[in-house]
Amino acid sequence: MELGLPGAYALDLERVFRSYEVGSEKEPAATGTKVRHVHLYFVHLDKARRFTRVVRLLRFSITVSKLNQREESLATTKSKQIAYWGSTILVLLPTAGTGIPELFTHGPAATVQIIHTLGYPLYIMQITGVAKILGAIPLLLNRPLRLVEWAYAGFTFLLLGATASHVLAGDAAHAPVPFICFLLLMVSYVLRPQVRGV
């Protein structure tokens, strides 16, 4: 990279040395001044080259820093995606996973026994089964945005309601299961990918 110097130090070397040859015998004082100008030119040229090297090193260090930040950002994004899908699947397995047998086979025997213990009628399984299946679809697709929000809200009511039902019915031993699912649901909600939509 060629650098120009402003002012009296940006001299034409050929002109200076030519005037030195012509005026070396007639004007020694002027010739000395020109020689000093040539010397200063090379001094400033050396400083400019050093400055250019520093600028290049700074640019290189900034580029490396940006690449490192980009790699860290990608690693963080990948970790968030893994945590999001892990928490979402752990929520949907015991909820939407049981929605299909509850809807079409009136639920497994263990679920029927829990419904009796909590004092709910058996047809509530068909209602919650439909809600679980419909809520799982937008959570897995993560769109449209409004249905995703409704699905998170629906599963929140379902899991907190199940927790409260176990506690109020005197079956507190089973209350931690839906509450843990609720906590995983909150992790999924916080880490969910942000998408645009209505």
Protein backbone atom coordinates (compact mmCIF):
# COMPACT_ATOMS: atom_id res chain seq x y z
CA MET A 1 0.00 0.00 0.00
CA GLU A 2 1.49 3.30 -1.11
CA LEU A 3 1.20 6.24 1.27
CA GLY A 4 1.49 9.90 0.31
CA LEU A 5 2.82 12.49 2.72
CA PRO A 6 1.39 16.04 2.87
CA GLY A 7 3.29 19.31 2.83
CA ALA A 8 6.97 19.87 2.22
CA TYR A 9 7.84 16.22 2.99
CA ALA A 10 6.03 14.81 -0.05
CA LEU A 11 8.93 15.73 -2.35
CA ASP A 12 9.71 14.50 -5.78
CA LEU A 13 12.99 12.67 -5.13
CA GLU A 14 14.11 12.88 -8.72
CA ARG A 15 13.71 16.69 -8.72
CA VAL A 16 15.49 17.01 -5.39
CA PHE A 17 18.50 14.95 -6.45
CA ARG A 18 18.65 16.74 -9.83
CA SER A 19 18.71 20.13 -8.09
CA TYR A 20 21.33 18.73 -5.75
CA GLU A 21 23.59 17.88 -8.72
CA VAL A 22 23.09 21.31 -10.32
CA GLY A 23 23.35 23.42 -7.18
CA SER A 24 25.80 21.46 -5.09
CA GLU A 25 28.67 23.80 -5.98
CA LYS A 26 26.71 27.08 -6.21
CA GLU A 27 24.28 26.81 -3.31
CA PRO A 28 25.64 24.51 -0.62
CA ALA A 29 23.23 25.91 2.05
CA ALA A 30 20.17 25.31 -0.12
CA THR A 31 21.48 21.87 -1.02
CA GLY A 32 21.84 21.02 2.66
CA THR A 33 18.26 22.06 3.26
CA LYS A 34 17.10 19.81 0.44
CA VAL A 35 19.11 16.91 1.80
CA ARG A 36 17.49 17.43 5.19
CA HIS A 37 14.08 17.42 3.49
CA VAL A 38 14.96 14.10 1.82
CA HIS A 39 16.03 12.71 5.19
CA LEU A 40 12.78 13.86 6.82
CA TYR A 41 10.86 12.35 3.94
CA PHE A 42 12.33 8.92 4.58
CA VAL A 43 11.83 9.31 8.35
CA HIS A 44 8.15 10.10 7.92
CA LEU A 45 7.80 7.41 5.28
CA ASP A 46 9.16 4.87 7.76
CA LYS A 47 6.71 6.07 10.41
CA ALA A 48 3.84 5.84 7.93
CA ARG A 49 4.81 2.27 7.04
CA ARG A 50 4.93 1.35 10.73
CA PHE A 51 1.52 2.92 11.23
CA THR A 52 0.18 0.92 8.28
CA ARG A 53 1.48 -2.29 9.85
CA VAL A 54 -0.24 -1.41 13.14
CA VAL A 55 -3.51 -0.71 11.31
CA ARG A 56 -3.29 -4.05 9.50
CA LEU A 57 -2.63 -5.87 12.78
CA LEU A 58 -5.61 -4.14 14.38
CA ARG A 59 -7.85 -5.09 11.47
CA PHE A 60 -6.66 -8.68 11.68
CA SER A 61 -7.27 -8.85 15.43
CA ILE A 62 -10.76 -7.36 14.99
CA THR A 63 -11.56 -9.93 12.29
CA VAL A 64 -10.40 -12.79 14.52
CA SER A 65 -12.44 -11.41 17.41
CA LYS A 66 -15.58 -11.24 15.26
CA LEU A 67 -15.05 -14.82 14.09
CA ASN A 68 -14.69 -16.00 17.69
CA GLN A 69 -17.86 -14.16 18.70
CA ARG A 70 -19.71 -15.72 15.79
CA GLU A 71 -18.58 -19.22 16.80
CA GLU A 72 -19.64 -18.60 20.40
CA SER A 73 -23.01 -17.30 19.22
CA LEU A 74 -23.55 -20.40 17.07
CA ALA A 75 -22.62 -22.67 19.97
CA THR A 76 -25.04 -20.83 22.29
CA THR A 77 -27.83 -21.03 19.70
CA LYS A 78 -27.26 -24.76 19.26
CA SER A 79 -27.36 -25.34 23.03
CA LYS A 80 -30.62 -23.39 23.29
CA GLN A 81 -32.17 -25.43 20.49
CA ILE A 82 -31.20 -28.69 22.18
CA ALA A 83 -32.63 -27.50 25.52
CA TYR A 84 -35.80 -26.27 23.80
CA TRP A 85 -36.53 -29.51 21.96
CA GLY A 86 -35.58 -31.62 24.97
CA SER A 87 -37.95 -29.78 27.32
CA THR A 88 -40.74 -29.65 24.71
CA ILE A 89 -40.61 -33.39 24.01
CA LEU A 90 -40.47 -34.21 27.73
CA VAL A 91 -43.67 -32.20 28.17
CA LEU A 92 -45.51 -33.64 25.17
CA LEU A 93 -44.72 -37.29 25.87
CA PRO A 94 -46.80 -37.55 29.08
CA THR A 95 -49.46 -35.09 27.89
CA ALA A 96 -50.11 -35.33 24.16
CA GLY A 97 -48.77 -38.88 24.20
CA THR A 98 -51.63 -39.94 26.48
CA GLY A 99 -54.17 -37.82 24.59
CA ILE A 100 -54.57 -40.37 21.79
CA PRO A 101 -55.51 -43.37 24.00
CA GLU A 102 -57.67 -41.12 26.19
CA LEU A 103 -59.58 -39.95 23.11
CA PHE A 104 -60.03 -43.25 21.26
CA THR A 105 -59.79 -45.99 23.90
CA HIS A 106 -61.22 -44.22 26.95
CA GLY A 107 -57.76 -44.15 28.47
CA PRO A 108 -55.52 -46.80 30.02
CA ALA A 109 -56.60 -48.40 33.31
CA ALA A 110 -54.11 -46.33 35.31
CA THR A 111 -55.54 -43.09 33.93
CA VAL A 112 -59.08 -44.25 34.67
CA GLN A 113 -58.08 -44.99 38.25
CA ILE A 114 -56.55 -41.50 38.64
CA ILE A 115 -59.72 -39.90 37.23
CA HIS A 116 -61.81 -41.79 39.80
CA THR A 117 -59.42 -40.79 42.59
CA LEU A 118 -59.66 -37.12 41.65
CA GLY A 119 -63.45 -37.30 41.44
CA TYR A 120 -63.80 -36.32 37.76
CA PRO A 121 -66.21 -38.00 35.33
CA LEU A 122 -64.61 -40.31 32.77
CA TYR A 123 -65.74 -38.25 29.78
CA ILE A 124 -63.26 -35.55 30.81
CA MET A 125 -60.57 -37.75 29.21
CA GLN A 126 -62.12 -37.18 25.77
CA ILE A 127 -62.14 -33.43 26.35
CA THR A 128 -58.55 -33.25 27.57
CA GLY A 129 -57.45 -35.76 24.92
CA VAL A 130 -58.64 -33.49 22.10
CA ALA A 131 -57.07 -30.45 23.77
CA LYS A 132 -53.71 -32.22 24.22
CA ILE A 133 -53.52 -33.34 20.59
CA LEU A 134 -54.55 -29.96 19.20
CA GLY A 135 -52.11 -28.18 21.52
CA ALA A 136 -49.17 -30.40 20.55
CA ILE A 137 -49.38 -29.54 16.83
CA PRO A 138 -48.49 -25.81 17.06
CA LEU A 139 -45.84 -26.56 19.70
CA LEU A 140 -44.07 -28.99 17.37
CA LEU A 141 -44.40 -26.67 14.35
CA ASN A 142 -43.76 -23.49 16.39
CA ARG A 143 -46.27 -21.66 14.21
CA PRO A 144 -48.58 -19.85 13.81
CA LEU A 145 -47.50 -17.61 16.64
CA ARG A 146 -50.96 -16.99 18.12
CA LEU A 147 -51.79 -20.70 18.28
CA VAL A 148 -48.41 -21.38 19.88
CA GLU A 149 -49.21 -18.89 22.63
CA TRP A 150 -52.64 -20.47 23.14
CA ALA A 151 -51.10 -23.94 23.28
CA TYR A 152 -48.63 -22.90 25.98
CA ALA A 153 -51.48 -21.28 27.92
CA GLY A 154 -53.67 -24.39 27.54
CA PHE A 155 -50.96 -26.77 28.75
CA THR A 156 -50.27 -24.38 31.65
CA PHE A 157 -53.90 -24.56 32.80
CA LEU A 158 -53.93 -28.32 32.29
CA LEU A 159 -50.76 -29.03 34.28
CA LEU A 160 -51.42 -26.57 37.09
CA GLY A 161 -55.00 -27.82 37.30
CA ALA A 162 -53.76 -31.41 37.53
CA THR A 163 -51.30 -30.43 40.27
CA ALA A 164 -54.00 -28.66 42.28
CA SER A 165 -56.44 -31.55 41.75
CA HIS A 166 -53.98 -34.09 43.17
CA VAL A 167 -53.27 -31.90 46.19
CA LEU A 168 -56.93 -31.06 46.92
CA ALA A 169 -58.08 -34.65 46.43
CA GLY A 170 -55.60 -35.92 49.01
CA ASP A 171 -53.34 -37.50 46.36
CA ALA A 172 -50.34 -35.22 46.92
CA ALA A 173 -47.90 -38.05 46.14
CA HIS A 174 -48.73 -37.71 42.42
CA ALA A 175 -48.77 -33.90 42.39
CA PRO A 176 -45.02 -33.45 41.58
CA VAL A 177 -45.38 -35.16 38.19
CA PRO A 178 -47.64 -32.56 36.51
CA PHE A 179 -45.80 -29.75 38.31
CA ILE A 180 -42.44 -30.92 36.92
CA CYS A 181 -44.05 -31.02 33.48
CA PHE A 182 -45.20 -27.45 34.07
CA LEU A 183 -41.62 -26.37 34.87
CA LEU A 184 -40.38 -28.05 31.69
CA LEU A 185 -43.12 -26.24 29.80
CA MET A 186 -41.83 -22.92 31.12
CA VAL A 187 -38.29 -23.84 29.99
CA SER A 188 -39.66 -24.64 26.53
CA TYR A 189 -41.55 -21.33 26.44
CA VAL A 190 -38.49 -19.27 27.38
CA LEU A 191 -36.15 -21.03 24.92
CA ARG A 192 -38.58 -21.31 22.01
CA PRO A 193 -37.28 -19.93 18.68
CA GLN A 194 -38.65 -16.51 17.85
CA VAL A 195 -40.66 -16.52 14.64
CA ARG A 196 -42.77 -13.90 12.92
CA GLY A 197 -46.39 -14.59 12.48
CA VAL A 198 -49.92 -13.88 13.64
